[in-house]
Amino acid sequence: LLLLGTEKVAISPGITKVTPLDFIDYPYSHSLLTVFIWGGLFAAVYFLISRYRAGAWVCGLAVISHWILDLLVHRPDLPLTPGESMRVGFGLWNSLGATLVLEIAIFGAGLWLYLRVTRASDRIGSIALWALVVFLMLIYLGNVFGAPPPSTTALAWVGQAQWLLVLWAFWIDRHRTARDPSHD
């Protein structure tokens, strides 16, 4: 949406202690109302493909959880509905230490849950997973401690490149199997 000019972000070093991004206008990807719509659409598509109702609920709630997690870290720049002037955010990005603790803990909890319910079915399922974990941590630390992006266009293209991480994770998951809870 940044590439299309539909949403706007500026690079403003110092706007928070963690990120230089000033989210000016992003009603379609980050308003609470549209996030509920995106979550519902994603859940519906997942259900139409899989016919797995519980999985559809989890997928929809995962999309919605993005807004809830953003609420914790963003300064008050999250709109509730498109076009609304009232914006919310608890501003955790104003504390580097608290941000690192929370975000790394959430990443660790997600990894722990994934490891708890899956096991590697071959070496790719193990080595590629840990390579992705290390790569994601390096990207995260680079985002927090590195230089600001050179432009909003570069930021938008890097955002598109994140789809490669989704494909990497999908490939890894094809080399992992569900754990049998009766054997744990």
N, C-alpha and C. Protein backbone atom coordinates (compact mmCIF):
# COMPACT_ATOMS: atom_id res chain seq x y z
N LEU A 1 0.82 -1.20 0.00
CA LEU A 1 0.00 0.00 0.00
C LEU A 1 0.86 1.26 0.00
N LEU A 2 2.08 1.15 0.57
CA LEU A 2 3.01 2.28 0.49
C LEU A 2 3.44 2.51 -0.96
N LEU A 3 3.72 1.43 -1.69
CA LEU A 3 4.15 1.56 -3.08
C LEU A 3 3.05 2.16 -3.95
N LEU A 4 1.80 1.89 -3.61
CA LEU A 4 0.67 2.43 -4.37
C LEU A 4 0.33 3.86 -3.96
N GLY A 5 0.92 4.33 -2.86
CA GLY A 5 0.62 5.67 -2.36
C GLY A 5 -0.68 5.74 -1.59
N THR A 6 -1.26 4.59 -1.30
CA THR A 6 -2.53 4.54 -0.56
C THR A 6 -2.32 4.81 0.91
N GLU A 7 -1.16 4.42 1.43
CA GLU A 7 -0.82 4.67 2.83
C GLU A 7 0.51 5.42 2.87
N LYS A 8 0.74 6.12 3.99
CA LYS A 8 1.93 6.98 4.08
C LYS A 8 2.68 6.76 5.39
N VAL A 9 3.99 6.68 5.25
CA VAL A 9 4.89 6.61 6.38
C VAL A 9 6.07 7.54 6.07
N ALA A 10 6.62 8.13 7.11
CA ALA A 10 7.81 8.98 6.94
C ALA A 10 8.93 8.42 7.80
N ILE A 11 10.15 8.70 7.40
CA ILE A 11 11.30 8.28 8.18
C ILE A 11 11.73 9.50 9.00
N SER A 12 11.55 9.40 10.31
CA SER A 12 11.83 10.51 11.23
C SER A 12 12.68 10.01 12.39
N PRO A 13 14.01 9.92 12.20
CA PRO A 13 14.87 9.43 13.28
C PRO A 13 14.61 10.19 14.58
N GLY A 14 14.47 9.42 15.68
CA GLY A 14 14.24 10.00 16.98
C GLY A 14 12.77 10.11 17.38
N ILE A 15 11.87 9.75 16.47
CA ILE A 15 10.44 9.85 16.80
C ILE A 15 10.09 8.90 17.95
N THR A 16 10.77 7.75 18.01
CA THR A 16 10.73 6.86 19.19
C THR A 16 12.15 6.36 19.40
N LYS A 17 12.39 5.68 20.50
CA LYS A 17 13.73 5.15 20.78
C LYS A 17 14.03 3.90 19.95
N VAL A 18 12.99 3.26 19.39
CA VAL A 18 13.19 1.98 18.72
C VAL A 18 13.09 2.08 17.21
N THR A 19 12.13 2.80 16.71
CA THR A 19 11.95 2.87 15.25
C THR A 19 11.87 4.32 14.77
N PRO A 20 12.46 4.59 13.60
CA PRO A 20 12.37 5.94 13.06
C PRO A 20 11.12 6.15 12.19
N LEU A 21 10.23 5.18 12.17
CA LEU A 21 9.09 5.26 11.27
C LEU A 21 7.95 6.04 11.90
N ASP A 22 7.49 7.04 11.16
CA ASP A 22 6.35 7.87 11.56
C ASP A 22 5.18 7.45 10.69
N PHE A 23 4.29 6.66 11.27
CA PHE A 23 3.14 6.14 10.53
C PHE A 23 2.09 7.24 10.43
N ILE A 24 2.06 7.89 9.30
CA ILE A 24 1.23 9.07 9.09
C ILE A 24 -0.22 8.69 8.79
N ASP A 25 -0.41 7.81 7.81
CA ASP A 25 -1.76 7.44 7.39
C ASP A 25 -1.73 6.02 6.84
N TYR A 26 -2.33 5.09 7.55
CA TYR A 26 -2.38 3.71 7.10
C TYR A 26 -3.68 3.05 7.56
N PRO A 27 -4.79 3.56 7.02
CA PRO A 27 -6.11 3.12 7.46
C PRO A 27 -6.52 1.73 6.98
N TYR A 28 -5.91 1.24 5.91
CA TYR A 28 -6.35 -0.04 5.35
C TYR A 28 -5.59 -1.23 5.93
N SER A 29 -4.38 -1.02 6.35
CA SER A 29 -3.60 -2.12 6.91
C SER A 29 -3.57 -2.10 8.43
N HIS A 30 -3.89 -0.96 9.06
CA HIS A 30 -3.68 -0.87 10.50
C HIS A 30 -4.82 -0.26 11.30
N SER A 31 -5.98 -0.01 10.70
CA SER A 31 -7.08 0.45 11.56
C SER A 31 -7.73 -0.80 12.17
N LEU A 32 -8.25 -0.65 13.35
CA LEU A 32 -8.86 -1.79 14.04
C LEU A 32 -9.98 -2.41 13.20
N LEU A 33 -10.83 -1.58 12.63
CA LEU A 33 -11.95 -2.09 11.82
C LEU A 33 -11.45 -2.89 10.63
N THR A 34 -10.49 -2.35 9.88
CA THR A 34 -10.03 -3.09 8.70
C THR A 34 -9.23 -4.33 9.08
N VAL A 35 -8.56 -4.31 10.22
CA VAL A 35 -7.86 -5.52 10.66
C VAL A 35 -8.86 -6.64 10.96
N PHE A 36 -10.01 -6.30 11.55
CA PHE A 36 -11.06 -7.30 11.76
C PHE A 36 -11.57 -7.83 10.41
N ILE A 37 -11.71 -6.94 9.44
CA ILE A 37 -12.15 -7.38 8.10
C ILE A 37 -11.11 -8.29 7.47
N TRP A 38 -9.81 -7.88 7.53
CA TRP A 38 -8.74 -8.73 6.98
C TRP A 38 -8.71 -10.09 7.67
N GLY A 39 -8.85 -10.07 9.01
CA GLY A 39 -8.86 -11.33 9.76
C GLY A 39 -10.01 -12.23 9.33
N GLY A 40 -11.19 -11.63 9.16
CA GLY A 40 -12.35 -12.41 8.71
C GLY A 40 -12.16 -12.97 7.32
N LEU A 41 -11.62 -12.16 6.42
CA LEU A 41 -11.38 -12.63 5.05
C LEU A 41 -10.35 -13.76 5.02
N PHE A 42 -9.27 -13.59 5.79
CA PHE A 42 -8.24 -14.62 5.82
C PHE A 42 -8.80 -15.92 6.39
N ALA A 43 -9.58 -15.80 7.46
CA ALA A 43 -10.20 -17.00 8.06
C ALA A 43 -11.14 -17.66 7.07
N ALA A 44 -11.91 -16.87 6.35
CA ALA A 44 -12.87 -17.43 5.38
C ALA A 44 -12.15 -18.16 4.26
N VAL A 45 -11.10 -17.55 3.72
CA VAL A 45 -10.34 -18.20 2.65
C VAL A 45 -9.71 -19.49 3.15
N TYR A 46 -9.12 -19.43 4.36
CA TYR A 46 -8.51 -20.63 4.93
C TYR A 46 -9.56 -21.73 5.09
N PHE A 47 -10.74 -21.35 5.59
CA PHE A 47 -11.80 -22.35 5.78
C PHE A 47 -12.27 -22.93 4.44
N LEU A 48 -12.41 -22.09 3.43
CA LEU A 48 -12.85 -22.58 2.11
C LEU A 48 -11.85 -23.57 1.52
N ILE A 49 -10.57 -23.34 1.78
CA ILE A 49 -9.54 -24.24 1.26
C ILE A 49 -9.43 -25.51 2.09
N SER A 50 -9.46 -25.37 3.42
CA SER A 50 -9.16 -26.51 4.29
C SER A 50 -10.38 -27.19 4.89
N ARG A 51 -11.48 -26.45 5.02
CA ARG A 51 -12.68 -26.94 5.72
C ARG A 51 -12.40 -27.23 7.19
N TYR A 52 -11.38 -26.60 7.73
CA TYR A 52 -10.95 -26.79 9.12
C TYR A 52 -11.35 -25.55 9.91
N ARG A 53 -12.48 -25.65 10.63
CA ARG A 53 -13.07 -24.51 11.32
C ARG A 53 -12.16 -23.95 12.42
N ALA A 54 -11.59 -24.81 13.25
CA ALA A 54 -10.72 -24.32 14.34
C ALA A 54 -9.50 -23.62 13.77
N GLY A 55 -8.93 -24.16 12.70
CA GLY A 55 -7.78 -23.53 12.06
C GLY A 55 -8.13 -22.17 11.48
N ALA A 56 -9.34 -22.05 10.94
CA ALA A 56 -9.79 -20.77 10.39
C ALA A 56 -9.89 -19.73 11.49
N TRP A 57 -10.43 -20.13 12.64
CA TRP A 57 -10.51 -19.19 13.78
C TRP A 57 -9.12 -18.75 14.21
N VAL A 58 -8.21 -19.69 14.31
CA VAL A 58 -6.84 -19.36 14.73
C VAL A 58 -6.20 -18.40 13.72
N CYS A 59 -6.39 -18.65 12.43
CA CYS A 59 -5.81 -17.77 11.41
C CYS A 59 -6.41 -16.37 11.50
N GLY A 60 -7.71 -16.27 11.65
CA GLY A 60 -8.35 -14.96 11.77
C GLY A 60 -7.88 -14.21 13.00
N LEU A 61 -7.80 -14.91 14.12
CA LEU A 61 -7.35 -14.27 15.36
C LEU A 61 -5.88 -13.88 15.29
N ALA A 62 -5.08 -14.64 14.56
CA ALA A 62 -3.66 -14.29 14.39
C ALA A 62 -3.54 -12.95 13.65
N VAL A 63 -4.37 -12.74 12.64
CA VAL A 63 -4.34 -11.46 11.92
C VAL A 63 -4.74 -10.33 12.86
N ILE A 64 -5.79 -10.52 13.62
CA ILE A 64 -6.27 -9.50 14.54
C ILE A 64 -5.25 -9.23 15.64
N SER A 65 -4.54 -10.27 16.08
CA SER A 65 -3.56 -10.09 17.15
C SER A 65 -2.46 -9.12 16.75
N HIS A 66 -2.20 -8.98 15.46
CA HIS A 66 -1.18 -8.02 15.01
C HIS A 66 -1.53 -6.62 15.49
N TRP A 67 -2.80 -6.23 15.39
CA TRP A 67 -3.21 -4.90 15.83
C TRP A 67 -3.06 -4.76 17.34
N ILE A 68 -3.41 -5.80 18.06
CA ILE A 68 -3.31 -5.76 19.53
C ILE A 68 -1.86 -5.61 19.95
N LEU A 69 -0.96 -6.34 19.31
CA LEU A 69 0.46 -6.21 19.62
C LEU A 69 0.99 -4.84 19.19
N ASP A 70 0.53 -4.33 18.05
CA ASP A 70 0.91 -2.98 17.64
C ASP A 70 0.44 -1.95 18.66
N LEU A 71 -0.74 -2.15 19.23
CA LEU A 71 -1.27 -1.23 20.24
C LEU A 71 -0.28 -1.07 21.40
N LEU A 72 0.39 -2.14 21.78
CA LEU A 72 1.34 -2.09 22.88
C LEU A 72 2.56 -1.24 22.55
N VAL A 73 3.08 -1.35 21.33
CA VAL A 73 4.36 -0.73 21.02
C VAL A 73 4.27 0.62 20.32
N HIS A 74 3.27 0.81 19.49
CA HIS A 74 3.15 2.06 18.73
C HIS A 74 2.88 3.24 19.65
N ARG A 75 3.37 4.41 19.21
CA ARG A 75 2.91 5.64 19.84
C ARG A 75 1.47 5.84 19.36
N PRO A 76 0.72 6.78 19.88
CA PRO A 76 -0.70 6.90 19.47
C PRO A 76 -0.84 7.29 17.99
N ASP A 77 -0.73 6.28 17.12
CA ASP A 77 -0.88 6.51 15.69
C ASP A 77 -1.76 5.46 15.02
N LEU A 78 -2.35 4.56 15.79
CA LEU A 78 -3.21 3.51 15.24
C LEU A 78 -4.65 4.00 15.18
N PRO A 79 -5.23 4.07 13.97
CA PRO A 79 -6.63 4.49 13.87
C PRO A 79 -7.57 3.34 14.24
N LEU A 80 -8.72 3.69 14.76
CA LEU A 80 -9.74 2.67 15.06
C LEU A 80 -10.53 2.32 13.80
N THR A 81 -10.80 3.33 12.99
CA THR A 81 -11.48 3.13 11.71
C THR A 81 -10.79 4.01 10.67
N PRO A 82 -10.92 3.67 9.38
CA PRO A 82 -10.32 4.53 8.35
C PRO A 82 -10.90 5.94 8.43
N GLY A 83 -10.02 6.92 8.33
CA GLY A 83 -10.46 8.30 8.33
C GLY A 83 -10.69 8.91 9.70
N GLU A 84 -10.60 8.11 10.75
CA GLU A 84 -10.84 8.62 12.10
C GLU A 84 -9.62 9.38 12.60
N SER A 85 -9.86 10.50 13.25
CA SER A 85 -8.74 11.30 13.75
C SER A 85 -8.22 10.77 15.09
N MET A 86 -9.08 10.10 15.87
CA MET A 86 -8.60 9.54 17.14
C MET A 86 -7.70 8.34 16.86
N ARG A 87 -6.53 8.39 17.46
CA ARG A 87 -5.56 7.30 17.27
C ARG A 87 -5.06 6.85 18.64
N VAL A 88 -4.70 5.57 18.71
CA VAL A 88 -4.30 4.99 19.99
C VAL A 88 -2.94 4.30 19.85
N GLY A 89 -2.32 4.06 20.98
CA GLY A 89 -1.05 3.35 21.07
C GLY A 89 -0.44 3.61 22.43
N PHE A 90 0.11 2.57 23.05
CA PHE A 90 0.65 2.69 24.40
C PHE A 90 2.10 3.18 24.42
N GLY A 91 2.78 3.18 23.26
CA GLY A 91 4.09 3.81 23.16
C GLY A 91 5.27 3.05 23.75
N LEU A 92 5.21 1.73 23.78
CA LEU A 92 6.35 0.97 24.33
C LEU A 92 7.63 1.22 23.54
N TRP A 93 7.51 1.62 22.27
CA TRP A 93 8.71 1.92 21.49
C TRP A 93 9.48 3.09 22.05
N ASN A 94 8.95 3.78 23.04
CA ASN A 94 9.69 4.86 23.70
C ASN A 94 10.66 4.31 24.75
N SER A 95 10.64 3.00 24.97
CA SER A 95 11.57 2.35 25.89
C SER A 95 12.27 1.21 25.16
N LEU A 96 13.54 1.39 24.87
CA LEU A 96 14.29 0.36 24.16
C LEU A 96 14.32 -0.95 24.95
N GLY A 97 14.63 -0.87 26.24
CA GLY A 97 14.73 -2.08 27.06
C GLY A 97 13.42 -2.85 27.13
N ALA A 98 12.33 -2.14 27.41
CA ALA A 98 11.02 -2.81 27.51
C ALA A 98 10.61 -3.41 26.17
N THR A 99 10.91 -2.72 25.08
CA THR A 99 10.59 -3.24 23.75
C THR A 99 11.35 -4.53 23.48
N LEU A 100 12.65 -4.52 23.76
CA LEU A 100 13.45 -5.72 23.52
C LEU A 100 12.95 -6.90 24.34
N VAL A 101 12.65 -6.67 25.60
CA VAL A 101 12.16 -7.75 26.47
C VAL A 101 10.85 -8.30 25.92
N LEU A 102 9.89 -7.43 25.63
CA LEU A 102 8.58 -7.89 25.16
C LEU A 102 8.66 -8.58 23.81
N GLU A 103 9.30 -7.95 22.84
CA GLU A 103 9.31 -8.50 21.49
C GLU A 103 10.11 -9.80 21.40
N ILE A 104 11.24 -9.87 22.08
CA ILE A 104 12.02 -11.11 22.06
C ILE A 104 11.28 -12.21 22.83
N ALA A 105 10.60 -11.85 23.91
CA ALA A 105 9.81 -12.84 24.65
C ALA A 105 8.67 -13.39 23.79
N ILE A 106 8.00 -12.54 23.04
CA ILE A 106 6.91 -13.00 22.17
C ILE A 106 7.47 -13.92 21.07
N PHE A 107 8.59 -13.54 20.49
CA PHE A 107 9.24 -14.38 19.48
C PHE A 107 9.62 -15.73 20.08
N GLY A 108 10.23 -15.69 21.27
CA GLY A 108 10.63 -16.93 21.95
C GLY A 108 9.43 -17.80 22.29
N ALA A 109 8.34 -17.20 22.74
CA ALA A 109 7.14 -17.98 23.07
C ALA A 109 6.57 -18.65 21.82
N GLY A 110 6.54 -17.91 20.71
CA GLY A 110 6.05 -18.49 19.46
C GLY A 110 6.92 -19.64 19.00
N LEU A 111 8.23 -19.48 19.10
CA LEU A 111 9.16 -20.54 18.73
C LEU A 111 8.97 -21.75 19.65
N TRP A 112 8.85 -21.51 20.94
CA TRP A 112 8.65 -22.60 21.90
C TRP A 112 7.37 -23.37 21.57
N LEU A 113 6.28 -22.66 21.27
CA LEU A 113 5.02 -23.33 20.92
C LEU A 113 5.19 -24.17 19.66
N TYR A 114 5.87 -23.62 18.66
CA TYR A 114 6.07 -24.36 17.42
C TYR A 114 6.91 -25.62 17.65
N LEU A 115 7.97 -25.48 18.44
CA LEU A 115 8.81 -26.64 18.74
C LEU A 115 8.07 -27.67 19.58
N ARG A 116 7.14 -27.21 20.38
CA ARG A 116 6.36 -28.10 21.26
C ARG A 116 5.40 -28.98 20.47
N VAL A 117 4.89 -28.46 19.33
CA VAL A 117 3.87 -29.21 18.59
C VAL A 117 4.40 -29.83 17.30
N THR A 118 5.66 -29.55 16.94
CA THR A 118 6.24 -30.16 15.75
C THR A 118 7.60 -30.76 16.08
N ARG A 119 8.04 -31.62 15.19
CA ARG A 119 9.40 -32.16 15.27
C ARG A 119 9.94 -32.27 13.86
N ALA A 120 11.25 -32.17 13.74
CA ALA A 120 11.88 -32.27 12.42
C ALA A 120 11.71 -33.69 11.89
N SER A 121 11.31 -33.79 10.63
CA SER A 121 11.20 -35.11 10.01
C SER A 121 12.47 -35.45 9.24
N ASP A 122 13.36 -34.46 9.06
CA ASP A 122 14.66 -34.68 8.43
C ASP A 122 15.58 -33.53 8.83
N ARG A 123 16.81 -33.54 8.30
CA ARG A 123 17.79 -32.51 8.69
C ARG A 123 17.35 -31.11 8.23
N ILE A 124 16.67 -31.02 7.11
CA ILE A 124 16.19 -29.71 6.65
C ILE A 124 15.25 -29.12 7.68
N GLY A 125 14.36 -29.94 8.22
CA GLY A 125 13.40 -29.48 9.22
C GLY A 125 14.05 -28.94 10.47
N SER A 126 15.27 -29.33 10.73
CA SER A 126 15.99 -28.84 11.90
C SER A 126 16.92 -27.68 11.54
N ILE A 127 17.84 -27.94 10.60
CA ILE A 127 18.84 -26.94 10.26
C ILE A 127 18.21 -25.68 9.66
N ALA A 128 17.27 -25.85 8.74
CA ALA A 128 16.65 -24.68 8.11
C ALA A 128 15.83 -23.88 9.12
N LEU A 129 15.21 -24.56 10.08
CA LEU A 129 14.45 -23.84 11.11
C LEU A 129 15.39 -22.96 11.92
N TRP A 130 16.49 -23.51 12.39
CA TRP A 130 17.40 -22.73 13.22
C TRP A 130 18.10 -21.64 12.41
N ALA A 131 18.33 -21.89 11.12
CA ALA A 131 18.89 -20.84 10.26
C ALA A 131 17.90 -19.69 10.13
N LEU A 132 16.61 -20.00 9.99
CA LEU A 132 15.59 -18.96 9.92
C LEU A 132 15.50 -18.18 11.23
N VAL A 133 15.56 -18.87 12.35
CA VAL A 133 15.51 -18.21 13.66
C VAL A 133 16.67 -17.22 13.79
N VAL A 134 17.87 -17.66 13.45
CA VAL A 134 19.05 -16.78 13.54
C VAL A 134 18.89 -15.60 12.57
N PHE A 135 18.45 -15.87 11.35
CA PHE A 135 18.27 -14.82 10.36
C PHE A 135 17.24 -13.79 10.83
N LEU A 136 16.12 -14.25 11.37
CA LEU A 136 15.09 -13.33 11.87
C LEU A 136 15.61 -12.47 13.02
N MET A 137 16.40 -13.07 13.90
CA MET A 137 16.96 -12.29 15.02
C MET A 137 17.95 -11.25 14.50
N LEU A 138 18.75 -11.60 13.50
CA LEU A 138 19.69 -10.63 12.92
C LEU A 138 18.94 -9.47 12.26
N ILE A 139 17.87 -9.80 11.54
CA ILE A 139 17.05 -8.74 10.92
C ILE A 139 16.46 -7.85 12.01
N TYR A 140 15.93 -8.46 13.06
CA TYR A 140 15.32 -7.69 14.15
C TYR A 140 16.34 -6.75 14.78
N LEU A 141 17.49 -7.28 15.12
CA LEU A 141 18.52 -6.45 15.76
C LEU A 141 19.03 -5.36 14.80
N GLY A 142 19.11 -5.69 13.51
CA GLY A 142 19.48 -4.68 12.53
C GLY A 142 18.45 -3.57 12.43
N ASN A 143 17.18 -3.93 12.52
CA ASN A 143 16.12 -2.92 12.49
C ASN A 143 16.18 -2.01 13.71
N VAL A 144 16.45 -2.61 14.87
CA VAL A 144 16.46 -1.83 16.12
C VAL A 144 17.73 -0.99 16.24
N PHE A 145 18.88 -1.56 15.93
CA PHE A 145 20.15 -0.88 16.18
C PHE A 145 20.83 -0.32 14.92
N GLY A 146 20.31 -0.66 13.74
CA GLY A 146 20.93 -0.21 12.50
C GLY A 146 20.48 1.17 12.07
N ALA A 147 20.98 1.57 10.93
CA ALA A 147 20.63 2.88 10.35
C ALA A 147 19.19 2.86 9.86
N PRO A 148 18.56 4.02 9.83
CA PRO A 148 17.19 4.10 9.30
C PRO A 148 17.18 3.72 7.82
N PRO A 149 16.03 3.30 7.31
CA PRO A 149 15.94 2.99 5.87
C PRO A 149 16.28 4.24 5.05
N PRO A 150 16.85 4.06 3.86
CA PRO A 150 17.23 5.22 3.05
C PRO A 150 16.03 5.99 2.48
N SER A 151 14.90 5.30 2.32
CA SER A 151 13.72 5.96 1.77
C SER A 151 12.48 5.12 2.09
N THR A 152 11.33 5.72 1.96
CA THR A 152 10.09 4.96 2.19
C THR A 152 9.88 3.94 1.07
N THR A 153 10.36 4.24 -0.13
CA THR A 153 10.25 3.28 -1.23
C THR A 153 11.08 2.04 -0.93
N ALA A 154 12.30 2.24 -0.43
CA ALA A 154 13.15 1.09 -0.05
C ALA A 154 12.47 0.29 1.05
N LEU A 155 11.89 0.98 2.02
CA LEU A 155 11.16 0.32 3.10
C LEU A 155 10.03 -0.55 2.55
N ALA A 156 9.27 -0.01 1.60
CA ALA A 156 8.15 -0.75 1.02
C ALA A 156 8.62 -1.98 0.26
N TRP A 157 9.73 -1.86 -0.47
CA TRP A 157 10.23 -3.02 -1.22
C TRP A 157 10.79 -4.09 -0.28
N VAL A 158 11.44 -3.68 0.79
CA VAL A 158 11.90 -4.67 1.78
C VAL A 158 10.69 -5.36 2.41
N GLY A 159 9.62 -4.60 2.63
CA GLY A 159 8.38 -5.21 3.13
C GLY A 159 7.86 -6.28 2.19
N GLN A 160 7.93 -6.03 0.90
CA GLN A 160 7.50 -7.04 -0.08
C GLN A 160 8.42 -8.26 -0.06
N ALA A 161 9.70 -8.02 0.17
CA ALA A 161 10.67 -9.12 0.20
C ALA A 161 10.40 -10.07 1.38
N GLN A 162 9.64 -9.61 2.37
CA GLN A 162 9.33 -10.48 3.51
C GLN A 162 8.54 -11.72 3.09
N TRP A 163 7.91 -11.67 1.91
CA TRP A 163 7.21 -12.86 1.43
C TRP A 163 8.18 -14.02 1.23
N LEU A 164 9.46 -13.72 0.99
CA LEU A 164 10.46 -14.78 0.88
C LEU A 164 10.61 -15.51 2.21
N LEU A 165 10.47 -14.78 3.32
CA LEU A 165 10.53 -15.42 4.65
C LEU A 165 9.33 -16.35 4.85
N VAL A 166 8.18 -15.96 4.34
CA VAL A 166 6.99 -16.81 4.44
C VAL A 166 7.24 -18.10 3.65
N LEU A 167 7.80 -17.98 2.45
CA LEU A 167 8.10 -19.18 1.66
C LEU A 167 9.13 -20.05 2.36
N TRP A 168 10.13 -19.44 2.98
CA TRP A 168 11.15 -20.18 3.71
C TRP A 168 10.49 -20.95 4.85
N ALA A 169 9.63 -20.28 5.61
CA ALA A 169 8.94 -20.94 6.73
C ALA A 169 8.04 -22.06 6.22
N PHE A 170 7.36 -21.85 5.09
CA PHE A 170 6.50 -22.89 4.52
C PHE A 170 7.35 -24.11 4.14
N TRP A 171 8.51 -23.87 3.53
CA TRP A 171 9.41 -24.96 3.15
C TRP A 171 9.87 -25.73 4.38
N ILE A 172 10.22 -25.00 5.43
CA ILE A 172 10.64 -25.65 6.68
C ILE A 172 9.51 -26.51 7.22
N ASP A 173 8.31 -25.96 7.24
CA ASP A 173 7.17 -26.68 7.81
C ASP A 173 6.87 -27.96 7.04
N ARG A 174 7.20 -28.00 5.75
CA ARG A 174 7.02 -29.22 4.95
C ARG A 174 8.01 -30.31 5.39
N HIS A 175 9.03 -29.92 6.16
CA HIS A 175 10.03 -30.87 6.65
C HIS A 175 9.90 -31.09 8.16
N ARG A 176 8.72 -30.80 8.67
CA ARG A 176 8.43 -31.04 10.09
C ARG A 176 7.10 -31.75 10.16
N THR A 177 6.90 -32.51 11.22
CA THR A 177 5.63 -33.22 11.39
C THR A 177 5.06 -32.88 12.77
N ALA A 178 3.76 -33.10 12.90
CA ALA A 178 3.11 -32.85 14.19
C ALA A 178 3.60 -33.87 15.20
N ARG A 179 3.83 -33.40 16.41
CA ARG A 179 4.21 -34.30 17.50
C ARG A 179 2.98 -35.07 17.97
N ASP A 180 3.16 -36.28 18.37
CA ASP A 180 2.08 -37.07 18.96
C ASP A 180 2.05 -36.75 20.46
N PRO A 181 1.00 -36.04 20.91
CA PRO A 181 0.96 -35.64 22.32
C PRO A 181 0.94 -36.81 23.30
N SER A 182 0.54 -37.99 22.83
CA SER A 182 0.50 -39.14 23.74
C SER A 182 1.90 -39.66 24.07
N HIS A 183 2.89 -39.23 23.29
CA HIS A 183 4.26 -39.69 23.55
C HIS A 183 5.10 -38.63 24.28
N ASP A 184 4.50 -37.51 24.65
CA ASP A 184 5.23 -36.46 25.38
C ASP A 184 5.05 -36.58 26.86
